[in-house]
Amino acid sequence: MTQRDMSTAKELENNGKTFIVPPCISDSGTSICIISRLHEILEEDIRIDLEKTSLTITALAGPEKVMRNITVPEGLRISRKKYRDGILTIVLDRPA
C-alpha cells in the first residue's frame, strides 16, 4: 500500500490553526482511502463532492467557509464516508 498527499488547495488558517488538515491518502489498488482531521467542525457542516478528478471537502468553520481540493484518478466513486471525533474518512472505489 502506498501513501501520498495529492492535495492541491490551500487551507484556511485562523490564528495559526488549520481547519482541514492535509489528508493522508492510501491506495490499495481497488480503492483509495482518504483520512483528514477537521478541527472545530460539526458533521452537518461538511459537504463532500466528487467530480471527475477532483474531490472537494467543504465545511463551515464558524462564519468562514473552508475547503480542500484533492486530485484523484478519474472514474472513482464514493463508497463510504464517516466522520467521528473530528476525523473524516472517505473511501473511493475503482470501477470493477
N, C-alpha and C. Protein backbone atom coordinates (compact mmCIF):
# COMPACT_ATOMS: atom_id res chain seq x y z
N MET A 1 0.83 -1.16 0.00
CA MET A 1 0.00 0.00 0.00
C MET A 1 0.89 1.25 0.00
N THR A 2 0.57 2.21 -0.84
CA THR A 2 1.36 3.43 -0.89
C THR A 2 0.56 4.58 -0.31
N GLN A 3 1.27 5.55 0.23
CA GLN A 3 0.61 6.73 0.76
C GLN A 3 1.19 7.95 0.07
N ARG A 4 0.32 8.87 -0.31
CA ARG A 4 0.79 10.09 -0.95
C ARG A 4 -0.21 11.19 -0.73
N ASP A 5 0.27 12.39 -0.65
CA ASP A 5 -0.59 13.55 -0.46
C ASP A 5 -0.79 14.20 -1.82
N MET A 6 -2.03 14.10 -2.35
CA MET A 6 -2.33 14.66 -3.66
C MET A 6 -3.12 15.95 -3.53
N SER A 7 -2.99 16.64 -2.42
CA SER A 7 -3.78 17.83 -2.16
C SER A 7 -3.31 19.00 -3.02
N THR A 8 -4.28 19.80 -3.52
CA THR A 8 -3.91 20.92 -4.37
C THR A 8 -4.42 22.26 -3.86
N ALA A 9 -5.24 22.28 -2.81
CA ALA A 9 -5.83 23.54 -2.34
C ALA A 9 -5.13 24.06 -1.11
N LYS A 10 -5.30 25.35 -0.88
CA LYS A 10 -4.78 25.95 0.34
C LYS A 10 -5.88 25.89 1.39
N GLU A 11 -5.49 25.61 2.62
CA GLU A 11 -6.48 25.57 3.69
C GLU A 11 -6.51 26.90 4.41
N LEU A 12 -7.66 27.25 4.95
CA LEU A 12 -7.83 28.49 5.69
C LEU A 12 -7.22 28.34 7.07
N GLU A 13 -6.47 29.32 7.49
CA GLU A 13 -5.89 29.29 8.81
C GLU A 13 -6.46 30.45 9.63
N ASN A 14 -6.66 30.20 10.89
CA ASN A 14 -7.17 31.21 11.80
C ASN A 14 -6.31 31.15 13.05
N ASN A 15 -5.57 32.21 13.31
CA ASN A 15 -4.66 32.24 14.45
C ASN A 15 -3.70 31.06 14.42
N GLY A 16 -3.23 30.70 13.23
CA GLY A 16 -2.27 29.61 13.10
C GLY A 16 -2.88 28.23 13.12
N LYS A 17 -4.20 28.10 13.19
CA LYS A 17 -4.86 26.79 13.24
C LYS A 17 -5.43 26.43 11.87
N THR A 18 -5.08 25.27 11.38
CA THR A 18 -5.61 24.79 10.11
C THR A 18 -6.90 24.04 10.40
N PHE A 19 -7.99 24.41 9.72
CA PHE A 19 -9.28 23.76 9.96
C PHE A 19 -9.37 22.40 9.30
N ILE A 20 -8.86 22.25 8.09
CA ILE A 20 -8.87 20.97 7.40
C ILE A 20 -7.40 20.56 7.21
N VAL A 21 -6.97 19.61 7.99
CA VAL A 21 -5.58 19.17 7.96
C VAL A 21 -5.32 18.41 6.67
N PRO A 22 -4.14 18.60 6.04
CA PRO A 22 -3.85 17.85 4.82
C PRO A 22 -4.09 16.35 5.04
N PRO A 23 -4.74 15.72 4.07
CA PRO A 23 -5.15 14.33 4.26
C PRO A 23 -4.01 13.33 4.12
N CYS A 24 -4.24 12.18 4.71
CA CYS A 24 -3.40 11.00 4.49
C CYS A 24 -4.16 10.16 3.47
N ILE A 25 -3.49 9.80 2.39
CA ILE A 25 -4.16 9.07 1.31
C ILE A 25 -3.45 7.74 1.10
N SER A 26 -4.23 6.65 1.13
CA SER A 26 -3.65 5.34 0.87
C SER A 26 -4.39 4.68 -0.29
N ASP A 27 -3.64 4.01 -1.14
CA ASP A 27 -4.18 3.38 -2.34
C ASP A 27 -3.93 1.88 -2.24
N SER A 28 -5.01 1.10 -2.17
CA SER A 28 -4.88 -0.36 -2.05
C SER A 28 -4.91 -1.05 -3.41
N GLY A 29 -5.13 -0.30 -4.46
CA GLY A 29 -5.26 -0.90 -5.79
C GLY A 29 -6.71 -0.98 -6.23
N THR A 30 -7.61 -1.37 -5.31
CA THR A 30 -9.04 -1.44 -5.63
C THR A 30 -9.81 -0.25 -5.08
N SER A 31 -9.23 0.43 -4.09
CA SER A 31 -9.88 1.60 -3.51
C SER A 31 -8.82 2.57 -2.99
N ILE A 32 -9.27 3.80 -2.78
CA ILE A 32 -8.42 4.84 -2.20
C ILE A 32 -9.10 5.31 -0.93
N CYS A 33 -8.35 5.37 0.16
CA CYS A 33 -8.88 5.82 1.45
C CYS A 33 -8.24 7.17 1.77
N ILE A 34 -9.09 8.15 2.07
CA ILE A 34 -8.63 9.50 2.41
C ILE A 34 -9.06 9.78 3.85
N ILE A 35 -8.10 10.14 4.69
CA ILE A 35 -8.37 10.43 6.09
C ILE A 35 -7.84 11.82 6.41
N SER A 36 -8.69 12.66 7.01
CA SER A 36 -8.28 14.01 7.35
C SER A 36 -8.92 14.44 8.66
N ARG A 37 -8.20 15.23 9.43
CA ARG A 37 -8.74 15.80 10.68
C ARG A 37 -9.37 17.15 10.35
N LEU A 38 -10.57 17.35 10.86
CA LEU A 38 -11.27 18.62 10.70
C LEU A 38 -11.44 19.22 12.08
N HIS A 39 -10.81 20.36 12.31
CA HIS A 39 -10.85 20.99 13.63
C HIS A 39 -12.08 21.87 13.80
N GLU A 40 -12.78 21.68 14.90
CA GLU A 40 -13.90 22.55 15.30
C GLU A 40 -14.99 22.63 14.24
N ILE A 41 -15.27 21.50 13.58
CA ILE A 41 -16.30 21.48 12.54
C ILE A 41 -17.32 20.40 12.88
N LEU A 42 -18.59 20.74 12.76
CA LEU A 42 -19.67 19.79 13.02
C LEU A 42 -19.96 18.96 11.77
N GLU A 43 -20.42 17.73 11.97
CA GLU A 43 -20.69 16.84 10.84
C GLU A 43 -21.69 17.43 9.85
N GLU A 44 -22.71 18.10 10.35
CA GLU A 44 -23.73 18.66 9.46
C GLU A 44 -23.21 19.84 8.64
N ASP A 45 -22.03 20.34 8.98
CA ASP A 45 -21.43 21.46 8.25
C ASP A 45 -20.40 21.01 7.22
N ILE A 46 -20.35 19.69 6.94
CA ILE A 46 -19.38 19.14 5.99
C ILE A 46 -20.09 18.72 4.71
N ARG A 47 -19.49 19.08 3.58
CA ARG A 47 -20.01 18.65 2.27
C ARG A 47 -18.86 18.03 1.49
N ILE A 48 -19.12 16.90 0.84
CA ILE A 48 -18.12 16.20 0.05
C ILE A 48 -18.63 16.07 -1.37
N ASP A 49 -17.85 16.55 -2.34
CA ASP A 49 -18.23 16.48 -3.75
C ASP A 49 -17.12 15.80 -4.53
N LEU A 50 -17.50 14.91 -5.44
CA LEU A 50 -16.54 14.24 -6.32
C LEU A 50 -16.97 14.50 -7.75
N GLU A 51 -16.09 15.16 -8.51
CA GLU A 51 -16.38 15.42 -9.91
C GLU A 51 -15.12 15.13 -10.73
N LYS A 52 -15.21 14.13 -11.57
CA LYS A 52 -14.10 13.66 -12.41
C LYS A 52 -12.87 13.38 -11.57
N THR A 53 -11.87 14.27 -11.56
CA THR A 53 -10.62 14.02 -10.83
C THR A 53 -10.46 14.93 -9.62
N SER A 54 -11.55 15.52 -9.17
CA SER A 54 -11.47 16.46 -8.05
C SER A 54 -12.44 16.07 -6.93
N LEU A 55 -11.88 15.77 -5.76
CA LEU A 55 -12.68 15.54 -4.56
C LEU A 55 -12.57 16.81 -3.73
N THR A 56 -13.69 17.41 -3.40
CA THR A 56 -13.69 18.66 -2.65
C THR A 56 -14.39 18.45 -1.32
N ILE A 57 -13.70 18.82 -0.25
CA ILE A 57 -14.27 18.81 1.09
C ILE A 57 -14.52 20.27 1.45
N THR A 58 -15.78 20.62 1.70
CA THR A 58 -16.15 21.98 2.07
C THR A 58 -16.80 21.93 3.44
N ALA A 59 -16.47 22.90 4.30
CA ALA A 59 -17.03 22.91 5.64
C ALA A 59 -17.19 24.34 6.13
N LEU A 60 -18.10 24.50 7.07
CA LEU A 60 -18.27 25.79 7.74
C LEU A 60 -17.50 25.73 9.05
N ALA A 61 -16.57 26.63 9.21
CA ALA A 61 -15.79 26.74 10.45
C ALA A 61 -16.14 28.09 11.05
N GLY A 62 -17.15 28.08 11.91
CA GLY A 62 -17.67 29.34 12.42
C GLY A 62 -18.32 30.08 11.28
N PRO A 63 -18.00 31.35 11.09
CA PRO A 63 -18.61 32.11 9.99
C PRO A 63 -17.89 31.89 8.66
N GLU A 64 -16.77 31.20 8.67
CA GLU A 64 -15.96 31.01 7.47
C GLU A 64 -16.27 29.70 6.76
N LYS A 65 -16.23 29.74 5.44
CA LYS A 65 -16.36 28.54 4.61
C LYS A 65 -14.94 28.13 4.22
N VAL A 66 -14.56 26.91 4.54
CA VAL A 66 -13.22 26.41 4.22
C VAL A 66 -13.33 25.22 3.28
N MET A 67 -12.30 25.01 2.47
CA MET A 67 -12.36 23.88 1.56
C MET A 67 -10.96 23.35 1.27
N ARG A 68 -10.94 22.10 0.85
CA ARG A 68 -9.70 21.46 0.41
C ARG A 68 -10.05 20.63 -0.81
N ASN A 69 -9.27 20.80 -1.87
CA ASN A 69 -9.43 20.01 -3.09
C ASN A 69 -8.34 18.95 -3.12
N ILE A 70 -8.72 17.74 -3.49
CA ILE A 70 -7.79 16.62 -3.59
C ILE A 70 -7.93 16.03 -4.98
N THR A 71 -6.83 15.95 -5.71
CA THR A 71 -6.85 15.36 -7.04
C THR A 71 -6.80 13.85 -6.92
N VAL A 72 -7.75 13.18 -7.57
CA VAL A 72 -7.84 11.72 -7.53
C VAL A 72 -7.94 11.20 -8.97
N PRO A 73 -7.67 9.92 -9.19
CA PRO A 73 -7.83 9.36 -10.54
C PRO A 73 -9.30 9.44 -10.98
N GLU A 74 -9.51 9.56 -12.27
CA GLU A 74 -10.87 9.63 -12.81
C GLU A 74 -11.54 8.27 -12.73
N GLY A 75 -12.87 8.28 -12.59
CA GLY A 75 -13.65 7.05 -12.61
C GLY A 75 -13.95 6.47 -11.23
N LEU A 76 -13.50 7.12 -10.17
CA LEU A 76 -13.78 6.63 -8.83
C LEU A 76 -15.18 7.02 -8.39
N ARG A 77 -15.71 6.29 -7.40
CA ARG A 77 -17.00 6.67 -6.80
C ARG A 77 -16.86 6.58 -5.29
N ILE A 78 -17.59 7.42 -4.59
CA ILE A 78 -17.57 7.40 -3.13
C ILE A 78 -18.37 6.19 -2.67
N SER A 79 -17.73 5.28 -1.95
CA SER A 79 -18.45 4.10 -1.46
C SER A 79 -18.78 4.23 0.03
N ARG A 80 -17.93 4.93 0.79
CA ARG A 80 -18.19 5.12 2.22
C ARG A 80 -17.61 6.44 2.68
N LYS A 81 -18.28 7.03 3.65
CA LYS A 81 -17.75 8.22 4.32
C LYS A 81 -18.20 8.18 5.77
N LYS A 82 -17.29 8.59 6.64
CA LYS A 82 -17.59 8.55 8.07
C LYS A 82 -16.89 9.74 8.72
N TYR A 83 -17.57 10.36 9.68
CA TYR A 83 -16.99 11.45 10.44
C TYR A 83 -17.21 11.15 11.92
N ARG A 84 -16.11 11.00 12.65
CA ARG A 84 -16.20 10.67 14.07
C ARG A 84 -15.03 11.29 14.81
N ASP A 85 -15.33 11.95 15.90
CA ASP A 85 -14.30 12.56 16.75
C ASP A 85 -13.35 13.45 15.96
N GLY A 86 -13.87 14.20 14.99
CA GLY A 86 -13.06 15.13 14.23
C GLY A 86 -12.26 14.51 13.10
N ILE A 87 -12.45 13.21 12.85
CA ILE A 87 -11.71 12.52 11.79
C ILE A 87 -12.69 12.16 10.65
N LEU A 88 -12.40 12.66 9.46
CA LEU A 88 -13.21 12.36 8.28
C LEU A 88 -12.50 11.27 7.48
N THR A 89 -13.24 10.18 7.20
CA THR A 89 -12.71 9.07 6.40
C THR A 89 -13.60 8.93 5.17
N ILE A 90 -12.97 8.94 4.00
CA ILE A 90 -13.70 8.77 2.73
C ILE A 90 -13.04 7.61 1.98
N VAL A 91 -13.84 6.67 1.51
CA VAL A 91 -13.32 5.55 0.72
C VAL A 91 -13.90 5.69 -0.69
N LEU A 92 -12.99 5.70 -1.66
CA LEU A 92 -13.36 5.80 -3.07
C LEU A 92 -13.02 4.47 -3.74
N ASP A 93 -14.00 3.88 -4.42
CA ASP A 93 -13.78 2.60 -5.10
C ASP A 93 -13.52 2.82 -6.58
N ARG A 94 -12.65 1.96 -7.11
CA ARG A 94 -12.41 1.94 -8.55
C ARG A 94 -13.50 1.06 -9.19
N PRO A 95 -13.86 1.35 -10.44
CA PRO A 95 -14.85 0.50 -11.09
C PRO A 95 -14.31 -0.92 -11.29
N ALA A 96 -15.22 -1.88 -11.22
CA ALA A 96 -14.82 -3.30 -11.36
C ALA A 96 -14.50 -3.66 -12.79
